[in-house]
């Protein structure tokens, strides 16, 4: 399967575009954002777990990155409520499960550098924020490796950022509020992928925004 597999193209998916499809496991559905491959794939997806569902044990051949969006996601290593950021490096394994609340996660598969061996289970609800590059912007760093950087960015209402270019691309998932740039408006649940060397001038209006941002990880051609 090839879905949004041309990384030179800008992609925008909003909640009105969602099409949930069943996975091979009962009670687990996916909204595929980009994908190269079939069941074993380089993939970015939203995954929705029904109450009390489980996923079989599996090994992360290319690594796994997770942000828990809703409910409580768990495995044999622990339980991770909304706001947890997880990194399971290449060669790690687990057996996901959820309880009566169910869960929705943003997950990225087969996208780790081979020498990126960091394991992470971070509760972003308890981590500090630092001042961003402009007033009204605060940043929480989640991960950094060889030019790839992952962060949460909190935008106060009516914040304007500088025009900037994305070396190595940029990927955004809107967690709260509405994110804007000169190309459009992106409500909570929107996913954007801006290619290498693309440029924009983002801003917020009266509702502000909280976004997951990953930069420096996309191919240069």
N, C-alpha and C. Protein backbone atom coordinates (compact mmCIF):
# COMPACT_ATOMS: atom_id res chain seq x y z
N UNK A 1 0.84 -1.20 0.00
CA UNK A 1 0.00 0.00 0.00
C UNK A 1 0.87 1.24 0.00
N UNK A 2 0.51 2.21 -0.84
CA UNK A 2 1.15 3.51 -0.84
C UNK A 2 0.09 4.56 -0.56
N UNK A 3 0.25 5.28 0.55
CA UNK A 3 -0.70 6.32 0.94
C UNK A 3 0.09 7.54 1.37
N UNK A 4 -0.11 8.66 0.67
CA UNK A 4 0.65 9.88 0.96
C UNK A 4 2.14 9.58 1.08
N UNK A 5 2.63 8.79 0.12
CA UNK A 5 4.00 8.29 0.17
C UNK A 5 5.00 9.18 -0.55
N UNK A 6 4.53 10.23 -1.22
CA UNK A 6 5.43 11.18 -1.88
C UNK A 6 5.74 12.29 -0.90
N UNK A 7 6.92 12.24 -0.29
CA UNK A 7 7.25 13.18 0.78
C UNK A 7 7.60 14.57 0.26
N UNK A 8 7.59 14.74 -1.06
CA UNK A 8 7.78 16.08 -1.61
C UNK A 8 6.47 16.86 -1.68
N UNK A 9 5.36 16.21 -1.33
CA UNK A 9 4.04 16.83 -1.41
C UNK A 9 3.53 17.21 -0.02
N UNK A 10 2.89 18.37 0.05
CA UNK A 10 2.22 18.79 1.28
C UNK A 10 0.93 17.99 1.44
N UNK A 11 0.64 17.56 2.67
CA UNK A 11 -0.57 16.80 2.96
C UNK A 11 -1.28 17.44 4.15
N UNK A 12 -2.59 17.58 4.06
CA UNK A 12 -3.42 18.06 5.16
C UNK A 12 -4.61 17.12 5.31
N UNK A 13 -4.81 16.59 6.50
CA UNK A 13 -5.96 15.75 6.82
C UNK A 13 -6.64 16.34 8.05
N UNK A 14 -7.91 16.67 7.93
CA UNK A 14 -8.69 17.20 9.05
C UNK A 14 -9.67 16.13 9.53
N UNK A 15 -10.28 16.31 10.70
CA UNK A 15 -11.19 15.27 11.20
C UNK A 15 -12.33 14.92 10.25
N UNK A 16 -12.77 15.85 9.43
CA UNK A 16 -13.85 15.53 8.49
C UNK A 16 -13.38 14.57 7.40
N UNK A 17 -12.06 14.38 7.27
CA UNK A 17 -11.51 13.44 6.29
C UNK A 17 -11.32 12.04 6.86
N UNK A 18 -11.52 11.87 8.16
CA UNK A 18 -11.22 10.58 8.78
C UNK A 18 -12.06 9.45 8.16
N UNK A 19 -11.39 8.35 7.90
CA UNK A 19 -12.05 7.12 7.48
C UNK A 19 -11.41 5.97 8.26
N UNK A 20 -12.08 5.56 9.30
CA UNK A 20 -11.55 4.49 10.15
C UNK A 20 -11.74 3.14 9.46
N UNK A 21 -10.69 2.34 9.47
CA UNK A 21 -10.76 1.00 8.87
C UNK A 21 -10.33 -0.02 9.91
N UNK A 22 -10.94 -1.18 9.84
CA UNK A 22 -10.63 -2.24 10.80
C UNK A 22 -9.23 -2.78 10.57
N UNK A 23 -8.52 -3.05 11.65
CA UNK A 23 -7.25 -3.75 11.57
C UNK A 23 -7.52 -5.26 11.59
N UNK A 24 -6.50 -6.09 11.44
CA UNK A 24 -6.74 -7.54 11.55
C UNK A 24 -7.17 -7.99 12.94
N UNK A 25 -7.06 -7.11 13.93
CA UNK A 25 -7.40 -7.46 15.31
C UNK A 25 -8.76 -6.85 15.67
N UNK A 26 -9.68 -7.67 16.15
CA UNK A 26 -11.02 -7.20 16.53
C UNK A 26 -10.90 -6.13 17.61
N UNK A 27 -11.62 -5.03 17.42
CA UNK A 27 -11.64 -3.96 18.41
C UNK A 27 -10.58 -2.90 18.19
N UNK A 28 -9.76 -3.05 17.15
CA UNK A 28 -8.71 -2.08 16.87
C UNK A 28 -8.91 -1.54 15.46
N UNK A 29 -9.10 -0.21 15.35
CA UNK A 29 -9.31 0.45 14.06
C UNK A 29 -8.21 1.46 13.80
N UNK A 30 -8.00 1.76 12.51
CA UNK A 30 -6.94 2.70 12.15
C UNK A 30 -7.47 3.77 11.21
N UNK A 31 -6.99 4.97 11.40
CA UNK A 31 -7.13 6.04 10.42
C UNK A 31 -5.72 6.28 9.88
N UNK A 32 -5.46 5.81 8.66
CA UNK A 32 -4.13 5.87 8.09
C UNK A 32 -3.84 7.27 7.56
N UNK A 33 -2.71 7.83 7.96
CA UNK A 33 -2.29 9.16 7.54
C UNK A 33 -1.26 9.09 6.42
N UNK A 34 -0.22 8.30 6.62
CA UNK A 34 0.66 7.95 5.50
C UNK A 34 1.15 6.52 5.71
N UNK A 35 1.52 5.87 4.60
CA UNK A 35 1.86 4.45 4.70
C UNK A 35 2.63 4.01 3.47
N UNK A 36 3.69 3.25 3.72
CA UNK A 36 4.43 2.57 2.67
C UNK A 36 4.59 1.13 3.11
N UNK A 37 3.77 0.24 2.57
CA UNK A 37 3.79 -1.16 2.97
C UNK A 37 2.42 -1.65 3.37
N UNK A 38 2.34 -2.92 3.71
CA UNK A 38 1.06 -3.52 4.08
C UNK A 38 0.95 -3.60 5.60
N UNK A 39 0.84 -4.81 6.18
CA UNK A 39 0.75 -4.88 7.63
C UNK A 39 2.07 -4.49 8.30
N UNK A 40 3.18 -4.82 7.66
CA UNK A 40 4.47 -4.33 8.13
C UNK A 40 4.81 -3.15 7.24
N UNK A 41 4.82 -1.94 7.80
CA UNK A 41 4.90 -0.74 6.97
C UNK A 41 5.57 0.40 7.70
N UNK A 42 6.14 1.31 6.90
CA UNK A 42 6.48 2.62 7.42
C UNK A 42 5.16 3.38 7.44
N UNK A 43 4.69 3.73 8.62
CA UNK A 43 3.31 4.22 8.71
C UNK A 43 3.16 5.27 9.80
N UNK A 44 2.26 6.20 9.54
CA UNK A 44 1.76 7.15 10.53
C UNK A 44 0.25 6.99 10.57
N UNK A 45 -0.31 6.73 11.75
CA UNK A 45 -1.73 6.42 11.85
C UNK A 45 -2.29 6.92 13.17
N UNK A 46 -3.60 7.15 13.19
CA UNK A 46 -4.36 7.17 14.42
C UNK A 46 -4.89 5.77 14.64
N UNK A 47 -4.77 5.27 15.85
CA UNK A 47 -5.26 3.92 16.16
C UNK A 47 -6.26 4.03 17.30
N UNK A 48 -7.44 3.47 17.07
CA UNK A 48 -8.53 3.53 18.05
C UNK A 48 -8.78 2.14 18.62
N UNK A 49 -8.59 2.02 19.94
CA UNK A 49 -8.82 0.76 20.64
C UNK A 49 -10.18 0.80 21.33
N UNK A 50 -11.02 -0.18 21.05
CA UNK A 50 -12.28 -0.31 21.77
C UNK A 50 -12.00 -0.70 23.22
N UNK A 51 -12.99 -0.51 24.07
CA UNK A 51 -12.84 -0.88 25.48
C UNK A 51 -12.42 -2.34 25.62
N UNK A 52 -11.45 -2.57 26.51
CA UNK A 52 -10.99 -3.91 26.87
C UNK A 52 -10.44 -4.70 25.68
N UNK A 53 -9.86 -4.01 24.72
CA UNK A 53 -9.27 -4.70 23.57
C UNK A 53 -7.77 -4.90 23.79
N UNK A 54 -7.22 -5.82 23.01
CA UNK A 54 -5.81 -6.16 23.11
C UNK A 54 -5.21 -6.32 21.72
N UNK A 55 -3.89 -6.14 21.64
CA UNK A 55 -3.16 -6.36 20.39
C UNK A 55 -2.08 -7.39 20.69
N UNK A 56 -1.85 -8.35 19.82
CA UNK A 56 -0.87 -9.39 20.12
C UNK A 56 0.55 -8.84 20.30
N UNK A 57 1.36 -9.60 20.99
CA UNK A 57 2.76 -9.21 21.16
C UNK A 57 3.42 -9.06 19.79
N UNK A 58 4.21 -8.01 19.66
CA UNK A 58 4.92 -7.78 18.40
C UNK A 58 6.23 -7.06 18.70
N UNK A 59 7.17 -7.23 17.76
CA UNK A 59 8.48 -6.62 17.87
C UNK A 59 8.55 -5.42 16.94
N UNK A 60 9.20 -4.36 17.39
CA UNK A 60 9.31 -3.12 16.62
C UNK A 60 10.58 -3.15 15.78
N UNK A 61 10.46 -3.68 14.57
CA UNK A 61 11.64 -3.81 13.71
C UNK A 61 12.20 -2.46 13.30
N UNK A 62 11.34 -1.45 13.20
CA UNK A 62 11.80 -0.12 12.81
C UNK A 62 11.51 0.94 13.84
N UNK A 63 11.17 0.51 15.07
CA UNK A 63 10.85 1.46 16.14
C UNK A 63 9.39 1.89 16.12
N UNK A 64 8.93 2.41 17.24
CA UNK A 64 7.54 2.85 17.40
C UNK A 64 7.51 4.10 18.27
N UNK A 65 6.81 5.11 17.79
CA UNK A 65 6.61 6.36 18.52
C UNK A 65 5.11 6.56 18.74
N UNK A 66 4.70 6.87 19.96
CA UNK A 66 3.27 6.95 20.31
C UNK A 66 3.02 8.22 21.12
N UNK A 67 1.91 8.88 20.82
CA UNK A 67 1.37 9.92 21.68
C UNK A 67 -0.06 9.52 22.01
N UNK A 68 -0.36 9.39 23.30
CA UNK A 68 -1.70 8.97 23.73
C UNK A 68 -2.63 10.18 23.69
N UNK A 69 -3.64 10.10 22.84
CA UNK A 69 -4.55 11.21 22.61
C UNK A 69 -5.79 11.17 23.49
N UNK A 70 -6.23 9.96 23.85
CA UNK A 70 -7.47 9.82 24.62
C UNK A 70 -7.47 8.48 25.32
N UNK A 71 -8.07 8.40 26.50
CA UNK A 71 -8.16 7.15 27.23
C UNK A 71 -6.86 6.77 27.90
N UNK A 72 -6.69 5.47 28.14
CA UNK A 72 -5.49 4.94 28.78
C UNK A 72 -4.98 3.78 27.93
N UNK A 73 -3.80 3.95 27.37
CA UNK A 73 -3.13 2.91 26.60
C UNK A 73 -2.20 2.17 27.55
N UNK A 74 -2.07 0.86 27.40
CA UNK A 74 -1.21 0.11 28.30
C UNK A 74 -0.53 -1.06 27.63
N UNK A 75 0.43 -1.63 28.33
CA UNK A 75 1.07 -2.87 27.93
C UNK A 75 1.62 -3.52 29.20
N UNK A 76 2.43 -4.56 29.03
CA UNK A 76 2.93 -5.26 30.21
C UNK A 76 3.91 -4.42 31.02
N UNK A 77 4.33 -3.28 30.48
CA UNK A 77 5.27 -2.42 31.19
C UNK A 77 4.60 -1.32 31.99
N UNK A 78 3.31 -1.04 31.72
CA UNK A 78 2.65 0.02 32.46
C UNK A 78 1.39 0.52 31.77
N UNK A 79 0.76 1.50 32.41
CA UNK A 79 -0.43 2.16 31.86
C UNK A 79 -0.08 3.61 31.58
N UNK A 80 -0.59 4.12 30.44
CA UNK A 80 -0.19 5.43 29.95
C UNK A 80 -1.43 6.24 29.59
N UNK A 81 -1.87 7.12 30.48
CA UNK A 81 -3.06 7.94 30.21
C UNK A 81 -2.79 8.99 29.13
N UNK A 82 -3.85 9.68 28.76
CA UNK A 82 -3.77 10.76 27.79
C UNK A 82 -2.62 11.71 28.12
N UNK A 83 -1.83 12.02 27.12
CA UNK A 83 -0.70 12.92 27.31
C UNK A 83 0.64 12.23 27.40
N UNK A 84 0.67 10.91 27.49
CA UNK A 84 1.95 10.19 27.54
C UNK A 84 2.59 10.15 26.15
N UNK A 85 3.90 10.33 26.13
CA UNK A 85 4.71 10.20 24.92
C UNK A 85 5.62 9.00 25.10
N UNK A 86 5.56 8.06 24.17
CA UNK A 86 6.29 6.79 24.27
C UNK A 86 7.19 6.60 23.07
N UNK A 87 8.37 6.06 23.32
CA UNK A 87 9.27 5.63 22.26
C UNK A 87 9.74 4.22 22.56
N UNK A 88 9.48 3.30 21.65
CA UNK A 88 9.91 1.91 21.77
C UNK A 88 10.92 1.64 20.67
N UNK A 89 12.21 1.50 21.00
CA UNK A 89 13.25 1.44 19.98
C UNK A 89 13.25 0.15 19.17
N UNK A 90 14.03 0.15 18.12
CA UNK A 90 14.17 -1.02 17.25
C UNK A 90 14.56 -2.24 18.09
N UNK A 91 13.83 -3.35 17.87
CA UNK A 91 14.09 -4.59 18.59
C UNK A 91 13.29 -4.77 19.86
N UNK A 92 12.62 -3.71 20.34
CA UNK A 92 11.78 -3.85 21.54
C UNK A 92 10.48 -4.56 21.18
N UNK A 93 9.77 -5.06 22.18
CA UNK A 93 8.52 -5.78 21.96
C UNK A 93 7.56 -5.49 23.09
N UNK A 94 6.26 -5.57 22.80
CA UNK A 94 5.24 -5.45 23.84
C UNK A 94 3.92 -6.00 23.35
N UNK A 95 2.95 -6.05 24.28
CA UNK A 95 1.60 -6.55 24.01
C UNK A 95 0.60 -5.49 24.46
N UNK A 96 0.19 -4.59 23.56
CA UNK A 96 -0.71 -3.51 23.97
C UNK A 96 -2.06 -4.01 24.46
N UNK A 97 -2.64 -3.24 25.40
CA UNK A 97 -3.96 -3.55 25.93
C UNK A 97 -4.58 -2.27 26.44
N UNK A 98 -5.88 -2.21 26.45
CA UNK A 98 -6.58 -1.07 27.03
C UNK A 98 -7.70 -1.58 27.92
N UNK A 99 -8.13 -0.73 28.85
CA UNK A 99 -9.18 -1.07 29.78
C UNK A 99 -10.54 -0.57 29.32
N UNK A 100 -11.44 -0.35 30.26
CA UNK A 100 -12.82 0.01 29.92
C UNK A 100 -12.96 1.40 29.27
N UNK A 101 -11.93 2.25 29.39
CA UNK A 101 -12.01 3.58 28.79
C UNK A 101 -11.73 3.56 27.29
N UNK A 102 -11.09 2.46 26.78
CA UNK A 102 -10.60 2.48 25.43
C UNK A 102 -9.44 3.46 25.30
N UNK A 103 -8.98 3.69 24.08
CA UNK A 103 -7.87 4.62 23.87
C UNK A 103 -7.77 4.98 22.40
N UNK A 104 -7.23 6.17 22.15
CA UNK A 104 -6.85 6.60 20.81
C UNK A 104 -5.41 7.08 20.89
N UNK A 105 -4.57 6.60 19.97
CA UNK A 105 -3.16 6.99 19.97
C UNK A 105 -2.76 7.47 18.57
N UNK A 106 -1.80 8.37 18.53
CA UNK A 106 -1.08 8.70 17.30
C UNK A 106 0.17 7.85 17.32
N UNK A 107 0.40 7.06 16.26
CA UNK A 107 1.53 6.13 16.26
C UNK A 107 2.30 6.25 14.95
N UNK A 108 3.62 6.22 15.07
CA UNK A 108 4.52 6.25 13.92
C UNK A 108 5.41 5.01 13.99
N UNK A 109 5.44 4.23 12.91
CA UNK A 109 6.15 2.95 12.86
C UNK A 109 7.24 2.98 11.80
N UNK A 110 8.33 2.26 12.10
CA UNK A 110 9.43 2.06 11.13
C UNK A 110 10.02 3.39 10.67
N UNK A 111 10.24 4.30 11.63
CA UNK A 111 10.78 5.61 11.29
C UNK A 111 11.97 6.00 12.17
N UNK A 112 12.58 5.03 12.86
CA UNK A 112 13.71 5.31 13.73
C UNK A 112 15.03 5.12 12.97
N UNK A 113 15.99 5.99 13.24
CA UNK A 113 17.36 5.72 12.82
C UNK A 113 17.89 4.52 13.60
N UNK A 114 18.75 3.74 12.98
CA UNK A 114 19.23 2.51 13.61
C UNK A 114 19.97 2.77 14.91
N UNK A 115 20.61 3.93 15.02
CA UNK A 115 21.35 4.22 16.25
C UNK A 115 20.53 5.03 17.26
N UNK A 116 19.25 5.22 16.99
CA UNK A 116 18.37 5.91 17.93
C UNK A 116 17.75 4.87 18.85
N UNK A 117 18.37 4.65 19.98
CA UNK A 117 18.01 3.54 20.87
C UNK A 117 17.29 4.01 22.14
N UNK A 118 16.88 5.25 22.16
CA UNK A 118 16.27 5.79 23.37
C UNK A 118 14.88 5.20 23.60
N UNK A 119 14.65 4.67 24.80
CA UNK A 119 13.32 4.28 25.24
C UNK A 119 12.75 5.42 26.07
N UNK A 120 11.46 5.69 25.91
CA UNK A 120 10.86 6.83 26.61
C UNK A 120 9.43 6.51 26.99
N UNK A 121 9.05 6.88 28.20
CA UNK A 121 7.65 6.87 28.65
C UNK A 121 7.47 8.14 29.47
N UNK A 122 7.11 9.24 28.79
CA UNK A 122 7.08 10.57 29.39
C UNK A 122 5.64 11.05 29.57
N UNK A 123 5.32 11.45 30.79
CA UNK A 123 4.02 12.06 31.06
C UNK A 123 4.14 13.56 30.79
N UNK A 124 3.62 13.99 29.64
CA UNK A 124 3.76 15.41 29.28
C UNK A 124 2.93 16.31 30.17
N UNK A 125 2.02 15.75 30.93
CA UNK A 125 1.21 16.57 31.84
C UNK A 125 2.03 17.12 33.00
N UNK A 126 3.20 16.54 33.24
CA UNK A 126 4.00 16.93 34.40
C UNK A 126 5.35 17.54 34.02
N UNK A 127 5.62 17.70 32.73
CA UNK A 127 6.92 18.20 32.28
C UNK A 127 6.91 19.73 32.17
N UNK A 128 8.08 20.35 32.33
CA UNK A 128 8.15 21.82 32.26
C UNK A 128 8.09 22.33 30.83
N UNK A 129 7.64 23.57 30.69
CA UNK A 129 7.63 24.28 29.42
C UNK A 129 8.71 25.35 29.44
N UNK A 130 9.28 25.64 28.27
CA UNK A 130 10.25 26.73 28.16
C UNK A 130 9.73 27.77 27.16
N UNK A 131 10.21 28.97 27.30
CA UNK A 131 9.81 30.05 26.42
C UNK A 131 10.22 29.75 24.98
N UNK A 132 9.32 30.00 24.03
CA UNK A 132 9.61 29.82 22.63
C UNK A 132 10.29 31.04 22.03
N UNK A 133 10.37 31.05 20.69
CA UNK A 133 11.10 32.10 19.98
C UNK A 133 10.34 33.42 19.93
N UNK A 134 9.02 33.38 20.16
CA UNK A 134 8.23 34.62 20.17
C UNK A 134 7.34 34.62 21.40
N UNK A 135 6.88 35.79 21.80
CA UNK A 135 5.94 35.89 22.91
C UNK A 135 4.68 35.10 22.59
N UNK A 136 4.15 34.41 23.61
CA UNK A 136 2.94 33.63 23.43
C UNK A 136 3.19 32.19 23.04
N UNK A 137 4.47 31.81 22.88
CA UNK A 137 4.82 30.45 22.46
C UNK A 137 5.64 29.79 23.55
N UNK A 138 5.23 28.58 24.01
CA UNK A 138 6.03 27.79 24.93
C UNK A 138 6.21 26.41 24.35
N UNK A 139 7.35 25.78 24.68
CA UNK A 139 7.77 24.55 24.02
C UNK A 139 8.15 23.51 25.07
N UNK A 140 7.76 22.25 24.81
CA UNK A 140 8.19 21.11 25.61
C UNK A 140 8.90 20.13 24.69
N UNK A 141 10.20 20.00 24.86
CA UNK A 141 10.98 19.07 24.04
C UNK A 141 10.69 17.63 24.44
N UNK A 142 10.44 16.78 23.45
CA UNK A 142 10.15 15.37 23.69
C UNK A 142 11.30 14.47 23.26
N UNK A 143 11.95 14.81 22.15
CA UNK A 143 13.01 13.94 21.63
C UNK A 143 13.85 14.70 20.63
N UNK A 144 15.14 14.35 20.57
CA UNK A 144 16.04 14.95 19.59
C UNK A 144 17.10 13.92 19.22
N UNK A 145 17.34 13.78 17.90
CA UNK A 145 18.37 12.83 17.44
C UNK A 145 18.78 13.18 16.02
N UNK A 146 20.05 13.55 15.84
CA UNK A 146 20.65 13.77 14.52
C UNK A 146 19.79 14.67 13.62
N UNK A 147 19.39 15.81 14.14
CA UNK A 147 18.63 16.76 13.35
C UNK A 147 17.13 16.59 13.40
N UNK A 148 16.67 15.45 13.93
CA UNK A 148 15.23 15.23 14.12
C UNK A 148 14.85 15.73 15.50
N UNK A 149 13.80 16.55 15.57
CA UNK A 149 13.34 17.09 16.85
C UNK A 149 11.83 16.93 16.98
N UNK A 150 11.39 16.50 18.15
CA UNK A 150 9.97 16.31 18.44
C UNK A 150 9.62 17.14 19.66
N UNK A 151 8.50 17.85 19.62
CA UNK A 151 8.12 18.73 20.73
C UNK A 151 6.62 18.92 20.75
N UNK A 152 6.12 19.34 21.91
CA UNK A 152 4.81 19.94 22.00
C UNK A 152 5.01 21.45 22.01
N UNK A 153 4.15 22.17 21.31
CA UNK A 153 4.24 23.63 21.26
C UNK A 153 2.87 24.20 21.63
N UNK A 154 2.87 25.04 22.66
CA UNK A 154 1.64 25.67 23.14
C UNK A 154 1.59 27.11 22.64
N UNK A 155 0.50 27.42 21.93
CA UNK A 155 0.31 28.74 21.36
C UNK A 155 -0.77 29.48 22.14
N UNK A 156 -0.43 30.62 22.72
CA UNK A 156 -1.44 31.47 23.34
C UNK A 156 -2.35 32.04 22.26
N UNK A 157 -3.55 32.49 22.63
CA UNK A 157 -4.42 33.13 21.64
C UNK A 157 -3.70 34.30 20.95
N UNK A 158 -3.99 34.44 19.67
CA UNK A 158 -3.53 35.58 18.87
C UNK A 158 -2.00 35.73 18.87
N UNK A 159 -1.34 34.59 18.68
CA UNK A 159 0.12 34.57 18.59
C UNK A 159 0.54 34.47 17.12
N UNK A 160 1.50 35.26 16.73
CA UNK A 160 2.02 35.27 15.36
C UNK A 160 3.47 34.80 15.38
N UNK A 161 3.79 33.80 14.53
CA UNK A 161 5.16 33.31 14.43
C UNK A 161 5.82 33.89 13.18
N UNK A 162 7.13 33.77 13.12
CA UNK A 162 7.89 34.30 12.00
C UNK A 162 7.77 33.40 10.77
N UNK A 163 7.87 33.95 9.57
CA UNK A 163 8.00 33.09 8.38
C UNK A 163 9.25 32.22 8.53
N UNK A 164 9.13 30.94 8.22
CA UNK A 164 10.29 30.05 8.35
C UNK A 164 10.20 28.91 7.36
N UNK A 165 11.37 28.34 7.06
CA UNK A 165 11.48 27.26 6.10
C UNK A 165 11.81 25.96 6.83
N UNK A 166 11.27 24.84 6.35
CA UNK A 166 11.41 23.55 7.03
C UNK A 166 12.51 22.71 6.39
N UNK A 167 13.71 22.81 6.92
CA UNK A 167 14.78 21.92 6.47
C UNK A 167 14.51 20.52 7.03
N UNK A 168 14.34 19.54 6.15
CA UNK A 168 14.00 18.20 6.60
C UNK A 168 12.52 18.02 6.89
N UNK A 169 11.71 19.00 6.50
CA UNK A 169 10.26 18.85 6.62
C UNK A 169 9.73 19.11 8.02
N UNK A 170 8.40 19.10 8.10
CA UNK A 170 7.70 19.34 9.36
C UNK A 170 6.40 18.54 9.36
N UNK A 171 6.10 17.96 10.49
CA UNK A 171 4.85 17.22 10.67
C UNK A 171 4.16 17.76 11.91
N UNK A 172 2.85 18.00 11.83
CA UNK A 172 2.09 18.61 12.92
C UNK A 172 0.82 17.82 13.15
N UNK A 173 0.47 17.60 14.42
CA UNK A 173 -0.84 17.11 14.80
C UNK A 173 -1.42 18.09 15.80
N UNK A 174 -2.63 18.59 15.53
CA UNK A 174 -3.24 19.60 16.38
C UNK A 174 -3.98 18.91 17.52
N UNK A 175 -3.55 19.18 18.74
CA UNK A 175 -4.11 18.53 19.93
C UNK A 175 -5.24 19.33 20.56
N UNK A 176 -5.14 20.66 20.51
CA UNK A 176 -6.17 21.53 21.08
C UNK A 176 -6.25 22.80 20.24
N UNK A 177 -7.40 23.44 20.25
CA UNK A 177 -7.56 24.72 19.59
C UNK A 177 -7.53 24.60 18.07
N UNK A 178 -7.08 25.68 17.42
CA UNK A 178 -7.02 25.74 15.96
C UNK A 178 -5.70 26.37 15.55
N UNK A 179 -4.97 25.69 14.70
CA UNK A 179 -3.70 26.16 14.16
C UNK A 179 -3.97 26.77 12.78
N UNK A 180 -3.28 27.86 12.46
CA UNK A 180 -3.51 28.56 11.19
C UNK A 180 -2.19 28.87 10.50
N UNK A 181 -2.21 28.97 9.19
CA UNK A 181 -1.15 29.62 8.43
C UNK A 181 -1.78 30.24 7.20
N UNK A 182 -0.96 30.75 6.30
CA UNK A 182 -1.50 31.43 5.13
C UNK A 182 -2.21 30.48 4.16
N UNK A 183 -2.05 29.16 4.40
CA UNK A 183 -2.67 28.18 3.51
C UNK A 183 -4.03 27.69 4.01
N UNK A 184 -4.34 27.90 5.29
CA UNK A 184 -5.61 27.41 5.79
C UNK A 184 -5.69 27.39 7.30
N UNK A 185 -6.77 26.77 7.80
CA UNK A 185 -7.03 26.64 9.24
C UNK A 185 -7.20 25.17 9.57
N UNK A 186 -6.65 24.75 10.72
CA UNK A 186 -6.55 23.34 11.04
C UNK A 186 -7.05 23.11 12.47
N UNK A 187 -8.26 22.58 12.62
CA UNK A 187 -8.83 22.39 13.96
C UNK A 187 -8.21 21.19 14.66
N UNK A 188 -8.57 21.03 15.93
CA UNK A 188 -8.14 19.88 16.72
C UNK A 188 -8.36 18.60 15.93
N UNK A 189 -7.33 17.75 15.93
CA UNK A 189 -7.41 16.48 15.20
C UNK A 189 -6.83 16.54 13.81
N UNK A 190 -6.38 17.72 13.36
CA UNK A 190 -5.79 17.85 12.02
C UNK A 190 -4.34 17.38 12.02
N UNK A 191 -3.94 16.79 10.88
CA UNK A 191 -2.56 16.33 10.66
C UNK A 191 -2.03 17.01 9.41
N UNK A 192 -0.84 17.60 9.52
CA UNK A 192 -0.21 18.28 8.40
C UNK A 192 1.19 17.72 8.20
N UNK A 193 1.59 17.58 6.95
CA UNK A 193 2.97 17.22 6.64
C UNK A 193 3.49 18.18 5.58
N UNK A 194 4.47 19.00 5.95
CA UNK A 194 5.06 19.99 5.06
C UNK A 194 6.43 19.50 4.61
N UNK A 195 6.71 19.45 3.30
CA UNK A 195 7.93 18.82 2.81
C UNK A 195 9.19 19.63 3.07
N UNK A 196 10.31 19.01 2.81
CA UNK A 196 11.63 19.64 2.91
C UNK A 196 11.66 20.96 2.15
N UNK A 197 12.12 22.00 2.83
CA UNK A 197 12.30 23.34 2.29
C UNK A 197 10.99 24.08 2.02
N UNK A 198 9.86 23.55 2.47
CA UNK A 198 8.61 24.31 2.40
C UNK A 198 8.66 25.46 3.40
N UNK A 199 7.74 26.41 3.23
CA UNK A 199 7.76 27.62 4.05
C UNK A 199 6.34 28.02 4.42
N UNK A 200 6.15 28.52 5.63
CA UNK A 200 4.87 29.10 6.01
C UNK A 200 5.04 30.07 7.17
N UNK A 201 3.93 30.77 7.49
CA UNK A 201 3.92 31.76 8.57
C UNK A 201 2.73 31.46 9.47
N UNK A 202 2.91 30.59 10.49
CA UNK A 202 1.78 30.16 11.31
C UNK A 202 1.34 31.20 12.34
N UNK A 203 0.09 31.04 12.79
CA UNK A 203 -0.46 31.94 13.79
C UNK A 203 -1.68 31.28 14.44
N UNK A 204 -2.14 31.87 15.53
CA UNK A 204 -3.38 31.44 16.16
C UNK A 204 -4.33 32.62 16.27
N UNK A 205 -5.61 32.29 16.49
CA UNK A 205 -6.63 33.29 16.77
C UNK A 205 -7.07 33.16 18.22
N UNK A 206 -8.33 33.45 18.52
CA UNK A 206 -8.74 33.60 19.91
C UNK A 206 -8.72 32.30 20.72
N UNK A 207 -8.74 31.13 20.06
CA UNK A 207 -8.75 29.88 20.83
C UNK A 207 -7.36 29.30 21.06
N UNK A 208 -6.30 29.90 20.51
CA UNK A 208 -4.96 29.37 20.70
C UNK A 208 -4.83 27.97 20.13
N UNK A 209 -3.76 27.26 20.50
CA UNK A 209 -3.55 25.90 19.99
C UNK A 209 -2.49 25.19 20.81
N UNK A 210 -2.57 23.88 20.81
CA UNK A 210 -1.51 23.00 21.31
C UNK A 210 -1.23 22.01 20.21
N UNK A 211 0.03 21.89 19.78
CA UNK A 211 0.37 21.02 18.67
C UNK A 211 1.54 20.11 19.01
N UNK A 212 1.52 18.91 18.44
CA UNK A 212 2.68 18.01 18.38
C UNK A 212 3.41 18.37 17.10
N UNK A 213 4.73 18.56 17.18
CA UNK A 213 5.53 18.95 16.03
C UNK A 213 6.75 18.05 15.92
N UNK A 214 6.99 17.57 14.72
CA UNK A 214 8.21 16.79 14.44
C UNK A 214 8.86 17.43 13.22
N UNK A 215 10.15 17.75 13.32
CA UNK A 215 10.86 18.41 12.23
C UNK A 215 12.17 17.70 11.95
N UNK A 216 12.67 17.90 10.71
CA UNK A 216 14.00 17.41 10.34
C UNK A 216 14.06 15.93 10.03
N UNK A 217 12.92 15.29 9.79
CA UNK A 217 12.90 13.83 9.63
C UNK A 217 12.48 13.35 8.25
N UNK A 218 12.09 14.26 7.36
CA UNK A 218 11.58 13.86 6.06
C UNK A 218 12.68 13.90 5.01
N UNK A 219 12.57 13.07 3.96
CA UNK A 219 13.61 13.06 2.91
C UNK A 219 13.73 14.42 2.25
N UNK A 220 14.92 14.69 1.75
CA UNK A 220 15.19 15.97 1.12
C UNK A 220 14.80 16.00 -0.35
N UNK A 221 14.36 14.87 -0.90
CA UNK A 221 13.88 14.85 -2.28
C UNK A 221 12.84 13.75 -2.45
